[in-house]
Amino acid sequence: GFRLNGVDVQDGRTSHMRYGIGEILDYLGRHIELRPGDLIATGTPARIGPFAGRHLGRGDTMTCWIDGIGELTNTVE
């Protein structure tokens, strides 16, 4: 999921994405060397509503999470 400034923006599942995780890894692995610890930004399933096209600005706080793995929060400085 993804939250911007305390507002839920995305709460989709990887199974709803256009390309599956396996397909993404296969494609990337044919073009670059993937190593343990690499972070891959996959994009999201649909549903960003009023935030579509919005640019992040100073002070915006973003939180993303994966159920069963953890949560990461960053603030734009």
N, C-alpha and C. Protein backbone atom coordinates (compact mmCIF):
# COMPACT_ATOMS: atom_id res chain seq x y z
N GLY A 1 0.81 -1.18 0.00
CA GLY A 1 0.00 0.00 0.00
C GLY A 1 0.86 1.25 0.00
N PHE A 2 0.23 2.36 -0.18
CA PHE A 2 0.93 3.65 -0.20
C PHE A 2 0.04 4.72 0.41
N ARG A 3 0.64 5.53 1.26
CA ARG A 3 -0.07 6.62 1.93
C ARG A 3 0.74 7.89 1.73
N LEU A 4 0.06 8.98 1.38
CA LEU A 4 0.72 10.27 1.20
C LEU A 4 0.10 11.25 2.18
N ASN A 5 0.92 11.78 3.07
CA ASN A 5 0.47 12.74 4.08
C ASN A 5 -0.73 12.21 4.86
N GLY A 6 -0.70 10.94 5.20
CA GLY A 6 -1.74 10.33 6.01
C GLY A 6 -2.98 9.88 5.25
N VAL A 7 -3.01 10.10 3.93
CA VAL A 7 -4.17 9.71 3.12
C VAL A 7 -3.82 8.47 2.30
N ASP A 8 -4.64 7.43 2.43
CA ASP A 8 -4.41 6.22 1.64
C ASP A 8 -4.59 6.52 0.17
N VAL A 9 -3.56 6.23 -0.61
CA VAL A 9 -3.57 6.49 -2.04
C VAL A 9 -3.66 5.17 -2.81
N GLN A 10 -3.03 4.15 -2.30
CA GLN A 10 -2.96 2.87 -3.00
C GLN A 10 -3.02 1.73 -2.01
N ASP A 11 -3.86 0.77 -2.27
CA ASP A 11 -3.92 -0.42 -1.43
C ASP A 11 -4.19 -1.62 -2.31
N GLY A 12 -3.40 -1.73 -3.38
CA GLY A 12 -3.58 -2.81 -4.34
C GLY A 12 -2.73 -4.02 -3.99
N ARG A 13 -2.85 -5.03 -4.81
CA ARG A 13 -2.08 -6.26 -4.64
C ARG A 13 -1.26 -6.48 -5.90
N THR A 14 -0.12 -7.13 -5.74
CA THR A 14 0.72 -7.41 -6.91
C THR A 14 -0.03 -8.25 -7.94
N SER A 15 -0.98 -9.04 -7.50
CA SER A 15 -1.75 -9.87 -8.45
C SER A 15 -2.63 -9.02 -9.37
N HIS A 16 -2.82 -7.74 -9.05
CA HIS A 16 -3.63 -6.86 -9.88
C HIS A 16 -2.80 -6.04 -10.86
N MET A 17 -1.48 -6.20 -10.82
CA MET A 17 -0.62 -5.43 -11.71
C MET A 17 -0.65 -6.00 -13.12
N ARG A 18 -0.37 -5.17 -14.10
CA ARG A 18 -0.39 -5.59 -15.51
C ARG A 18 0.62 -6.71 -15.76
N TYR A 19 1.81 -6.61 -15.18
CA TYR A 19 2.85 -7.63 -15.32
C TYR A 19 3.12 -8.23 -13.96
N GLY A 20 3.23 -9.54 -13.89
CA GLY A 20 3.51 -10.22 -12.63
C GLY A 20 4.96 -10.01 -12.20
N ILE A 21 5.22 -10.24 -10.93
CA ILE A 21 6.57 -10.07 -10.39
C ILE A 21 7.56 -10.94 -11.15
N GLY A 22 7.19 -12.20 -11.43
CA GLY A 22 8.08 -13.09 -12.19
C GLY A 22 8.43 -12.54 -13.55
N GLU A 23 7.45 -11.97 -14.24
CA GLU A 23 7.69 -11.37 -15.56
C GLU A 23 8.63 -10.18 -15.46
N ILE A 24 8.43 -9.36 -14.44
CA ILE A 24 9.28 -8.18 -14.25
C ILE A 24 10.72 -8.60 -13.97
N LEU A 25 10.90 -9.57 -13.08
CA LEU A 25 12.25 -10.04 -12.76
C LEU A 25 12.92 -10.68 -13.97
N ASP A 26 12.17 -11.45 -14.74
CA ASP A 26 12.71 -12.07 -15.94
C ASP A 26 13.19 -11.01 -16.93
N TYR A 27 12.35 -10.00 -17.17
CA TYR A 27 12.71 -8.94 -18.11
C TYR A 27 13.96 -8.20 -17.63
N LEU A 28 13.96 -7.78 -16.38
CA LEU A 28 15.11 -7.04 -15.85
C LEU A 28 16.38 -7.88 -15.88
N GLY A 29 16.25 -9.17 -15.52
CA GLY A 29 17.40 -10.06 -15.48
C GLY A 29 18.05 -10.27 -16.84
N ARG A 30 17.30 -10.04 -17.90
CA ARG A 30 17.87 -10.15 -19.25
C ARG A 30 18.65 -8.90 -19.63
N HIS A 31 18.50 -7.82 -18.87
CA HIS A 31 19.13 -6.55 -19.23
C HIS A 31 20.14 -6.03 -18.21
N ILE A 32 19.98 -6.41 -16.96
CA ILE A 32 20.91 -5.97 -15.92
C ILE A 32 21.18 -7.12 -14.95
N GLU A 33 22.26 -7.00 -14.22
CA GLU A 33 22.57 -8.00 -13.19
C GLU A 33 21.78 -7.67 -11.93
N LEU A 34 20.94 -8.59 -11.52
CA LEU A 34 20.18 -8.40 -10.28
C LEU A 34 20.94 -9.06 -9.13
N ARG A 35 21.06 -8.33 -8.02
CA ARG A 35 21.79 -8.85 -6.87
C ARG A 35 20.92 -8.78 -5.63
N PRO A 36 21.22 -9.62 -4.64
CA PRO A 36 20.46 -9.58 -3.39
C PRO A 36 20.45 -8.17 -2.81
N GLY A 37 19.29 -7.73 -2.38
CA GLY A 37 19.15 -6.39 -1.80
C GLY A 37 18.71 -5.34 -2.80
N ASP A 38 18.72 -5.67 -4.11
CA ASP A 38 18.24 -4.70 -5.10
C ASP A 38 16.78 -4.36 -4.82
N LEU A 39 16.43 -3.11 -5.02
CA LEU A 39 15.05 -2.65 -4.85
C LEU A 39 14.50 -2.32 -6.23
N ILE A 40 13.36 -2.89 -6.57
CA ILE A 40 12.76 -2.69 -7.88
C ILE A 40 11.43 -1.96 -7.70
N ALA A 41 11.32 -0.78 -8.29
CA ALA A 41 10.07 -0.03 -8.24
C ALA A 41 9.20 -0.51 -9.39
N THR A 42 8.10 -1.18 -9.06
CA THR A 42 7.26 -1.81 -10.07
C THR A 42 6.11 -0.95 -10.54
N GLY A 43 5.84 0.14 -9.86
CA GLY A 43 4.62 0.87 -10.14
C GLY A 43 3.50 0.26 -9.32
N THR A 44 2.27 0.62 -9.61
CA THR A 44 1.15 0.17 -8.79
C THR A 44 -0.03 -0.23 -9.66
N PRO A 45 -0.93 -1.02 -9.09
CA PRO A 45 -2.20 -1.23 -9.77
C PRO A 45 -2.96 0.09 -9.79
N ALA A 46 -4.01 0.16 -10.55
CA ALA A 46 -4.79 1.40 -10.65
C ALA A 46 -5.35 1.82 -9.30
N ARG A 47 -5.64 3.09 -9.15
CA ARG A 47 -6.32 3.74 -8.03
C ARG A 47 -5.42 4.73 -7.32
N ILE A 48 -5.17 5.81 -7.94
CA ILE A 48 -4.47 6.89 -7.24
C ILE A 48 -5.34 8.13 -7.19
N GLY A 49 -6.52 8.06 -7.80
CA GLY A 49 -7.54 9.09 -7.69
C GLY A 49 -7.05 10.51 -7.81
N PRO A 50 -7.35 11.34 -6.80
CA PRO A 50 -7.03 12.77 -6.89
C PRO A 50 -5.53 13.06 -6.87
N PHE A 51 -4.71 12.04 -6.61
CA PHE A 51 -3.26 12.26 -6.57
C PHE A 51 -2.61 12.03 -7.93
N ALA A 52 -3.37 11.61 -8.92
CA ALA A 52 -2.81 11.37 -10.26
C ALA A 52 -2.16 12.65 -10.78
N GLY A 53 -0.93 12.54 -11.22
CA GLY A 53 -0.21 13.66 -11.78
C GLY A 53 0.33 14.65 -10.77
N ARG A 54 0.09 14.42 -9.49
CA ARG A 54 0.58 15.32 -8.44
C ARG A 54 2.07 15.08 -8.23
N HIS A 55 2.83 16.14 -8.12
CA HIS A 55 4.25 16.03 -7.83
C HIS A 55 4.47 16.15 -6.33
N LEU A 56 5.45 15.44 -5.84
CA LEU A 56 5.80 15.54 -4.42
C LEU A 56 6.47 16.86 -4.14
N GLY A 57 6.26 17.37 -2.94
CA GLY A 57 6.87 18.64 -2.56
C GLY A 57 7.48 18.56 -1.17
N ARG A 58 8.25 19.58 -0.83
CA ARG A 58 8.90 19.65 0.47
C ARG A 58 7.88 19.44 1.59
N GLY A 59 8.20 18.55 2.50
CA GLY A 59 7.34 18.27 3.63
C GLY A 59 6.37 17.11 3.42
N ASP A 60 6.19 16.66 2.17
CA ASP A 60 5.32 15.51 1.93
C ASP A 60 5.92 14.27 2.60
N THR A 61 5.06 13.51 3.24
CA THR A 61 5.48 12.27 3.88
C THR A 61 4.81 11.10 3.18
N MET A 62 5.65 10.15 2.75
CA MET A 62 5.17 8.97 2.02
C MET A 62 5.44 7.73 2.85
N THR A 63 4.45 6.87 2.94
CA THR A 63 4.61 5.59 3.61
C THR A 63 4.17 4.50 2.66
N CYS A 64 5.04 3.51 2.47
CA CYS A 64 4.65 2.36 1.66
C CYS A 64 4.87 1.11 2.49
N TRP A 65 4.09 0.09 2.20
CA TRP A 65 4.19 -1.15 2.97
C TRP A 65 3.82 -2.34 2.12
N ILE A 66 4.33 -3.48 2.57
CA ILE A 66 3.96 -4.77 2.00
C ILE A 66 3.54 -5.63 3.19
N ASP A 67 2.29 -6.09 3.16
CA ASP A 67 1.79 -6.92 4.27
C ASP A 67 2.73 -8.09 4.53
N GLY A 68 3.05 -8.30 5.78
CA GLY A 68 3.90 -9.40 6.18
C GLY A 68 5.38 -9.14 6.03
N ILE A 69 5.76 -8.01 5.42
CA ILE A 69 7.18 -7.69 5.25
C ILE A 69 7.57 -6.47 6.07
N GLY A 70 6.86 -5.37 5.90
CA GLY A 70 7.18 -4.18 6.67
C GLY A 70 6.71 -2.90 6.02
N GLU A 71 7.15 -1.80 6.60
CA GLU A 71 6.70 -0.46 6.22
C GLU A 71 7.91 0.46 6.13
N LEU A 72 7.85 1.41 5.19
CA LEU A 72 8.93 2.39 5.02
C LEU A 72 8.29 3.76 4.88
N THR A 73 8.78 4.73 5.68
CA THR A 73 8.27 6.10 5.63
C THR A 73 9.41 7.05 5.33
N ASN A 74 9.19 7.96 4.39
CA ASN A 74 10.17 8.99 4.03
C ASN A 74 9.46 10.33 3.92
N THR A 75 10.19 11.40 4.22
CA THR A 75 9.68 12.76 4.09
C THR A 75 10.55 13.50 3.09
N VAL A 76 9.93 14.21 2.16
CA VAL A 76 10.66 15.00 1.17
C VAL A 76 11.23 16.22 1.87
N GLU A 77 12.51 16.44 1.70
CA GLU A 77 13.16 17.61 2.32
C GLU A 77 13.53 18.64 1.31
